[in-house]
Structures are given as C-alpha cells and as structure tokens.
Amino acid sequence: MKASDVRAKTEDQLKDDLSALKKEQFNLRFQKATGQLENTARVREVRRDIAQIQTIMREKRTSINA
C-alpha cells in the first residue's frame, strides 16, 4: 500500500480499510496459533499497513485543527 494512495482516501474510507486490516490481522494471528499460516510475511505487511493508515489519519486530524 502506497502512502500517496492512502492520503488520497477520505476519513471514512480509511476507517473502513483500518477495520478490514484489523480483521485480517486477527485472522492471521489465529492461523499462526493453529499452525495454518503459510505466508508469514503477510503478518508484517498488515501490521505496517495499519500503522500507516493510523499515522495518516492522525496527520489529517492535526492539519484540520491547526
């Protein structure tokens, strides 16, 4: 996921993406615990995407208030 793509989205779209990524993160953790996880790199990708979305949402909130 590119930062420019994330910045182009609205607040509602970012919230939707964030909730979808958190669900995926939960499912990946569950798969890892049960030994069914094949693509272990996806856990890291999802975690980074969540952090990126949260950072950009925070940037948008502070730019509105400033």
PDB file of N, CA and C in Angstrom:
ATOM      1  N   MET A   1       0.842  -1.168   0.000  1.00  0.00           N
ATOM      2  CA  MET A   1       0.000   0.000   0.000  1.00  0.00           C
ATOM      3  C   MET A   1       0.894   1.240   0.000  1.00  0.00           C
ATOM      4  N   LYS A   2       0.654   2.130  -0.933  1.00  0.00           N
ATOM      5  CA  LYS A   2       1.463   3.334  -1.044  1.00  0.00           C
ATOM      6  C   LYS A   2       0.861   4.459  -0.213  1.00  0.00           C
ATOM      7  N   ALA A   3       1.712   5.286   0.333  1.00  0.00           N
ATOM      8  CA  ALA A   3       1.258   6.398   1.173  1.00  0.00           C
ATOM      9  C   ALA A   3       0.431   7.387   0.358  1.00  0.00           C
ATOM     10  N   SER A   4       0.793   7.602  -0.884  1.00  0.00           N
ATOM     11  CA  SER A   4       0.034   8.544  -1.713  1.00  0.00           C
ATOM     12  C   SER A   4      -1.386   8.044  -1.951  1.00  0.00           C
ATOM     13  N   ASP A   5      -1.543   6.740  -2.094  1.00  0.00           N
ATOM     14  CA  ASP A   5      -2.877   6.168  -2.259  1.00  0.00           C
ATOM     15  C   ASP A   5      -3.698   6.331  -0.988  1.00  0.00           C
ATOM     16  N   VAL A   6      -3.060   6.140   0.145  1.00  0.00           N
ATOM     17  CA  VAL A   6      -3.763   6.253   1.422  1.00  0.00           C
ATOM     18  C   VAL A   6      -4.154   7.701   1.680  1.00  0.00           C
ATOM     19  N   ARG A   7      -3.264   8.632   1.368  1.00  0.00           N
ATOM     20  CA  ARG A   7      -3.555  10.057   1.598  1.00  0.00           C
ATOM     21  C   ARG A   7      -4.708  10.553   0.725  1.00  0.00           C
ATOM     22  N   ALA A   8      -4.926   9.917  -0.415  1.00  0.00           N
ATOM     23  CA  ALA A   8      -5.986  10.335  -1.334  1.00  0.00           C
ATOM     24  C   ALA A   8      -7.372   9.909  -0.849  1.00  0.00           C
ATOM     25  N   LYS A   9      -7.427   9.015   0.121  1.00  0.00           N
ATOM     26  CA  LYS A   9      -8.709   8.496   0.602  1.00  0.00           C
ATOM     27  C   LYS A   9      -9.326   9.431   1.642  1.00  0.00           C
ATOM     28  N   THR A  10     -10.647   9.320   1.779  1.00  0.00           N
ATOM     29  CA  THR A  10     -11.350  10.114   2.785  1.00  0.00           C
ATOM     30  C   THR A  10     -11.242   9.437   4.142  1.00  0.00           C
ATOM     31  N   GLU A  11     -11.662  10.149   5.173  1.00  0.00           N
ATOM     32  CA  GLU A  11     -11.612   9.626   6.540  1.00  0.00           C
ATOM     33  C   GLU A  11     -12.444   8.349   6.684  1.00  0.00           C
ATOM     34  N   ASP A  12     -13.612   8.336   6.062  1.00  0.00           N
ATOM     35  CA  ASP A  12     -14.475   7.148   6.141  1.00  0.00           C
ATOM     36  C   ASP A  12     -13.845   5.945   5.439  1.00  0.00           C
ATOM     37  N   GLN A  13     -13.233   6.177   4.296  1.00  0.00           N
ATOM     38  CA  GLN A  13     -12.571   5.095   3.579  1.00  0.00           C
ATOM     39  C   GLN A  13     -11.406   4.541   4.391  1.00  0.00           C
ATOM     40  N   LEU A  14     -10.688   5.430   5.059  1.00  0.00           N
ATOM     41  CA  LEU A  14      -9.564   4.994   5.889  1.00  0.00           C
ATOM     42  C   LEU A  14     -10.062   4.163   7.069  1.00  0.00           C
ATOM     43  N   LYS A  15     -11.179   4.566   7.664  1.00  0.00           N
ATOM     44  CA  LYS A  15     -11.737   3.795   8.779  1.00  0.00           C
ATOM     45  C   LYS A  15     -12.158   2.403   8.317  1.00  0.00           C
ATOM     46  N   ASP A  16     -12.761   2.333   7.139  1.00  0.00           N
ATOM     47  CA  ASP A  16     -13.165   1.028   6.588  1.00  0.00           C
ATOM     48  C   ASP A  16     -11.953   0.142   6.324  1.00  0.00           C
ATOM     49  N   ASP A  17     -10.912   0.725   5.716  1.00  0.00           N
ATOM     50  CA  ASP A  17      -9.696  -0.032   5.446  1.00  0.00           C
ATOM     51  C   ASP A  17      -9.044  -0.499   6.741  1.00  0.00           C
ATOM     52  N   LEU A  18      -9.053   0.372   7.735  1.00  0.00           N
ATOM     53  CA  LEU A  18      -8.446   0.034   9.017  1.00  0.00           C
ATOM     54  C   LEU A  18      -9.173  -1.126   9.685  1.00  0.00           C
ATOM     55  N   SER A  19     -10.491  -1.103   9.656  1.00  0.00           N
ATOM     56  CA  SER A  19     -11.244  -2.200  10.284  1.00  0.00           C
ATOM     57  C   SER A  19     -11.019  -3.508   9.513  1.00  0.00           C
ATOM     58  N   ALA A  20     -10.939  -3.438   8.187  1.00  0.00           N
ATOM     59  CA  ALA A  20     -10.683  -4.646   7.395  1.00  0.00           C
ATOM     60  C   ALA A  20      -9.297  -5.211   7.691  1.00  0.00           C
ATOM     61  N   LEU A  21      -8.309  -4.335   7.841  1.00  0.00           N
ATOM     62  CA  LEU A  21      -6.959  -4.799   8.143  1.00  0.00           C
ATOM     63  C   LEU A  21      -6.873  -5.394   9.542  1.00  0.00           C
ATOM     64  N   LYS A  22      -7.610  -4.819  10.487  1.00  0.00           N
ATOM     65  CA  LYS A  22      -7.593  -5.365  11.846  1.00  0.00           C
ATOM     66  C   LYS A  22      -8.248  -6.744  11.886  1.00  0.00           C
ATOM     67  N   LYS A  23      -9.301  -6.934  11.088  1.00  0.00           N
ATOM     68  CA  LYS A  23      -9.921  -8.263  10.996  1.00  0.00           C
ATOM     69  C   LYS A  23      -8.952  -9.257  10.374  1.00  0.00           C
ATOM     70  N   GLU A  24      -8.258  -8.812   9.330  1.00  0.00           N
ATOM     71  CA  GLU A  24      -7.285  -9.690   8.686  1.00  0.00           C
ATOM     72  C   GLU A  24      -6.149 -10.027   9.653  1.00  0.00           C
ATOM     73  N   GLN A  25      -5.714  -9.043  10.429  1.00  0.00           N
ATOM     74  CA  GLN A  25      -4.657  -9.273  11.408  1.00  0.00           C
ATOM     75  C   GLN A  25      -5.091 -10.311  12.442  1.00  0.00           C
ATOM     76  N   PHE A  26      -6.328 -10.209  12.897  1.00  0.00           N
ATOM     77  CA  PHE A  26      -6.854 -11.192  13.847  1.00  0.00           C
ATOM     78  C   PHE A  26      -6.843 -12.588  13.236  1.00  0.00           C
ATOM     79  N   ASN A  27      -7.324 -12.696  11.995  1.00  0.00           N
ATOM     80  CA  ASN A  27      -7.361 -13.996  11.323  1.00  0.00           C
ATOM     81  C   ASN A  27      -5.958 -14.566  11.116  1.00  0.00           C
ATOM     82  N   LEU A  28      -5.005 -13.703  10.789  1.00  0.00           N
ATOM     83  CA  LEU A  28      -3.634 -14.170  10.601  1.00  0.00           C
ATOM     84  C   LEU A  28      -3.034 -14.658  11.917  1.00  0.00           C
ATOM     85  N   ARG A  29      -3.321 -13.936  13.008  1.00  0.00           N
ATOM     86  CA  ARG A  29      -2.825 -14.374  14.314  1.00  0.00           C
ATOM     87  C   ARG A  29      -3.432 -15.713  14.698  1.00  0.00           C
ATOM     88  N   PHE A  30      -4.701 -15.880  14.379  1.00  0.00           N
ATOM     89  CA  PHE A  30      -5.388 -17.139  14.677  1.00  0.00           C
ATOM     90  C   PHE A  30      -4.774 -18.277  13.866  1.00  0.00           C
ATOM     91  N   GLN A  31      -4.519 -18.032  12.585  1.00  0.00           N
ATOM     92  CA  GLN A  31      -3.895 -19.042  11.735  1.00  0.00           C
ATOM     93  C   GLN A  31      -2.503 -19.403  12.229  1.00  0.00           C
ATOM     94  N   LYS A  32      -1.751 -18.404  12.690  1.00  0.00           N
ATOM     95  CA  LYS A  32      -0.409 -18.664  13.197  1.00  0.00           C
ATOM     96  C   LYS A  32      -0.463 -19.536  14.447  1.00  0.00           C
ATOM     97  N   ALA A  33      -1.422 -19.252  15.317  1.00  0.00           N
ATOM     98  CA  ALA A  33      -1.540 -20.008  16.566  1.00  0.00           C
ATOM     99  C   ALA A  33      -1.924 -21.461  16.306  1.00  0.00           C
ATOM    100  N   THR A  34      -2.695 -21.691  15.263  1.00  0.00           N
ATOM    101  CA  THR A  34      -3.135 -23.057  14.961  1.00  0.00           C
ATOM    102  C   THR A  34      -2.206 -23.761  13.978  1.00  0.00           C
ATOM    103  N   GLY A  35      -1.152 -23.061  13.528  1.00  0.00           N
ATOM    104  CA  GLY A  35      -0.188 -23.680  12.626  1.00  0.00           C
ATOM    105  C   GLY A  35      -0.629 -23.738  11.181  1.00  0.00           C
ATOM    106  N   GLN A  36      -1.604 -22.943  10.793  1.00  0.00           N
ATOM    107  CA  GLN A  36      -2.120 -22.972   9.425  1.00  0.00           C
ATOM    108  C   GLN A  36      -1.599 -21.827   8.555  1.00  0.00           C
ATOM    109  N   LEU A  37      -0.793 -20.939   9.133  1.00  0.00           N
ATOM    110  CA  LEU A  37      -0.318 -19.764   8.406  1.00  0.00           C
ATOM    111  C   LEU A  37       0.798 -20.157   7.448  1.00  0.00           C
ATOM    112  N   GLU A  38       0.597 -19.864   6.155  1.00  0.00           N
ATOM    113  CA  GLU A  38       1.595 -20.190   5.145  1.00  0.00           C
ATOM    114  C   GLU A  38       2.464 -18.984   4.805  1.00  0.00           C
ATOM    115  N   ASN A  39       1.846 -17.817   4.641  1.00  0.00           N
ATOM    116  CA  ASN A  39       2.582 -16.616   4.255  1.00  0.00           C
ATOM    117  C   ASN A  39       2.842 -15.777   5.512  1.00  0.00           C
ATOM    118  N   THR A  40       3.947 -16.044   6.175  1.00  0.00           N
ATOM    119  CA  THR A  40       4.250 -15.351   7.425  1.00  0.00           C
ATOM    120  C   THR A  40       4.583 -13.876   7.202  1.00  0.00           C
ATOM    121  N   ALA A  41       5.021 -13.510   6.023  1.00  0.00           N
ATOM    122  CA  ALA A  41       5.363 -12.119   5.728  1.00  0.00           C
ATOM    123  C   ALA A  41       4.121 -11.233   5.718  1.00  0.00           C
ATOM    124  N   ARG A  42       2.973 -11.826   5.478  1.00  0.00           N
ATOM    125  CA  ARG A  42       1.735 -11.040   5.420  1.00  0.00           C
ATOM    126  C   ARG A  42       1.411 -10.410   6.774  1.00  0.00           C
ATOM    127  N   VAL A  43       1.810 -11.058   7.868  1.00  0.00           N
ATOM    128  CA  VAL A  43       1.571 -10.511   9.205  1.00  0.00           C
ATOM    129  C   VAL A  43       2.270  -9.155   9.325  1.00  0.00           C
ATOM    130  N   ARG A  44       3.501  -9.100   8.885  1.00  0.00           N
ATOM    131  CA  ARG A  44       4.273  -7.854   8.946  1.00  0.00           C
ATOM    132  C   ARG A  44       3.685  -6.780   8.036  1.00  0.00           C
ATOM    133  N   GLU A  45       3.271  -7.174   6.832  1.00  0.00           N
ATOM    134  CA  GLU A  45       2.681  -6.228   5.886  1.00  0.00           C
ATOM    135  C   GLU A  45       1.414  -5.597   6.460  1.00  0.00           C
ATOM    136  N   VAL A  46       0.567  -6.428   7.049  1.00  0.00           N
ATOM    137  CA  VAL A  46      -0.698  -5.934   7.603  1.00  0.00           C
ATOM    138  C   VAL A  46      -0.419  -4.993   8.766  1.00  0.00           C
ATOM    139  N   ARG A  47       0.537  -5.363   9.616  1.00  0.00           N
ATOM    140  CA  ARG A  47       0.865  -4.517  10.759  1.00  0.00           C
ATOM    141  C   ARG A  47       1.375  -3.155  10.293  1.00  0.00           C
ATOM    142  N   ARG A  48       2.192  -3.145   9.267  1.00  0.00           N
ATOM    143  CA  ARG A  48       2.714  -1.879   8.738  1.00  0.00           C
ATOM    144  C   ARG A  48       1.619  -1.057   8.063  1.00  0.00           C
ATOM    145  N   ASP A  49       0.712  -1.716   7.347  1.00  0.00           N
ATOM    146  CA  ASP A  49      -0.393  -1.003   6.713  1.00  0.00           C
ATOM    147  C   ASP A  49      -1.294  -0.348   7.765  1.00  0.00           C
ATOM    148  N   ILE A  50      -1.543  -1.054   8.859  1.00  0.00           N
ATOM    149  CA  ILE A  50      -2.354  -0.492   9.944  1.00  0.00           C
ATOM    150  C   ILE A  50      -1.669   0.749  10.507  1.00  0.00           C
ATOM    151  N   ALA A  51      -0.382   0.657  10.761  1.00  0.00           N
ATOM    152  CA  ALA A  51       0.364   1.794  11.306  1.00  0.00           C
ATOM    153  C   ALA A  51       0.358   2.969  10.338  1.00  0.00           C
ATOM    154  N   GLN A  52       0.476   2.680   9.059  1.00  0.00           N
ATOM    155  CA  GLN A  52       0.490   3.741   8.048  1.00  0.00           C
ATOM    156  C   GLN A  52      -0.856   4.459   8.003  1.00  0.00           C
ATOM    157  N   ILE A  53      -1.935   3.716   8.030  1.00  0.00           N
ATOM    158  CA  ILE A  53      -3.260   4.323   7.990  1.00  0.00           C
ATOM    159  C   ILE A  53      -3.494   5.154   9.244  1.00  0.00           C
ATOM    160  N   GLN A  54      -3.102   4.618  10.405  1.00  0.00           N
ATOM    161  CA  GLN A  54      -3.290   5.368  11.645  1.00  0.00           C
ATOM    162  C   GLN A  54      -2.482   6.659  11.644  1.00  0.00           C
ATOM    163  N   THR A  55      -1.277   6.617  11.113  1.00  0.00           N
ATOM    164  CA  THR A  55      -0.425   7.804  11.042  1.00  0.00           C
ATOM    165  C   THR A  55      -1.039   8.859  10.142  1.00  0.00           C
ATOM    166  N   ILE A  56      -1.525   8.451   8.992  1.00  0.00           N
ATOM    167  CA  ILE A  56      -2.109   9.408   8.049  1.00  0.00           C
ATOM    168  C   ILE A  56      -3.413   9.977   8.593  1.00  0.00           C
ATOM    169  N   MET A  57      -4.197   9.145   9.280  1.00  0.00           N
ATOM    170  CA  MET A  57      -5.425   9.658   9.904  1.00  0.00           C
ATOM    171  C   MET A  57      -5.072  10.713  10.960  1.00  0.00           C
ATOM    172  N   ARG A  58      -4.028  10.459  11.724  1.00  0.00           N
ATOM    173  CA  ARG A  58      -3.590  11.416  12.743  1.00  0.00           C
ATOM    174  C   ARG A  58      -3.106  12.705  12.091  1.00  0.00           C
ATOM    175  N   GLU A  59      -2.374  12.598  10.985  1.00  0.00           N
ATOM    176  CA  GLU A  59      -1.899  13.773  10.256  1.00  0.00           C
ATOM    177  C   GLU A  59      -3.067  14.611   9.753  1.00  0.00           C
ATOM    178  N   LYS A  60      -4.096  13.934   9.229  1.00  0.00           N
ATOM    179  CA  LYS A  60      -5.245  14.657   8.715  1.00  0.00           C
ATOM    180  C   LYS A  60      -5.989  15.371   9.825  1.00  0.00           C
ATOM    181  N   ARG A  61      -6.101  14.717  10.994  1.00  0.00           N
ATOM    182  CA  ARG A  61      -6.792  15.340  12.128  1.00  0.00           C
ATOM    183  C   ARG A  61      -6.039  16.562  12.627  1.00  0.00           C
ATOM    184  N   THR A  62      -4.709  16.491  12.701  1.00  0.00           N
ATOM    185  CA  THR A  62      -3.937  17.627  13.212  1.00  0.00           C
ATOM    186  C   THR A  62      -3.890  18.763  12.202  1.00  0.00           C
ATOM    187  N   SER A  63      -3.928  18.459  10.913  1.00  0.00           N
ATOM    188  CA  SER A  63      -3.911  19.523   9.913  1.00  0.00           C
ATOM    189  C   SER A  63      -5.228  20.279   9.888  1.00  0.00           C
ATOM    190  N   ILE A  64      -6.323  19.591  10.233  1.00  0.00           N
ATOM    191  CA  ILE A  64      -7.626  20.248  10.294  1.00  0.00           C
ATOM    192  C   ILE A  64      -7.692  21.178  11.509  1.00  0.00           C
ATOM    193  N   ASN A  65      -7.152  20.720  12.625  1.00  0.00           N
ATOM    194  CA  ASN A  65      -7.198  21.506  13.853  1.00  0.00           C
ATOM    195  C   ASN A  65      -6.187  22.644  13.861  1.00  0.00           C
ATOM    196  N   ALA A  66      -5.145  22.553  13.077  1.00  0.00           N
ATOM    197  CA  ALA A  66      -4.094  23.582  13.091  1.00  0.00           C
ATOM    198  C   ALA A  66      -4.489  24.818  12.328  1.00  0.00           C
TER     199      ALA A  66
END
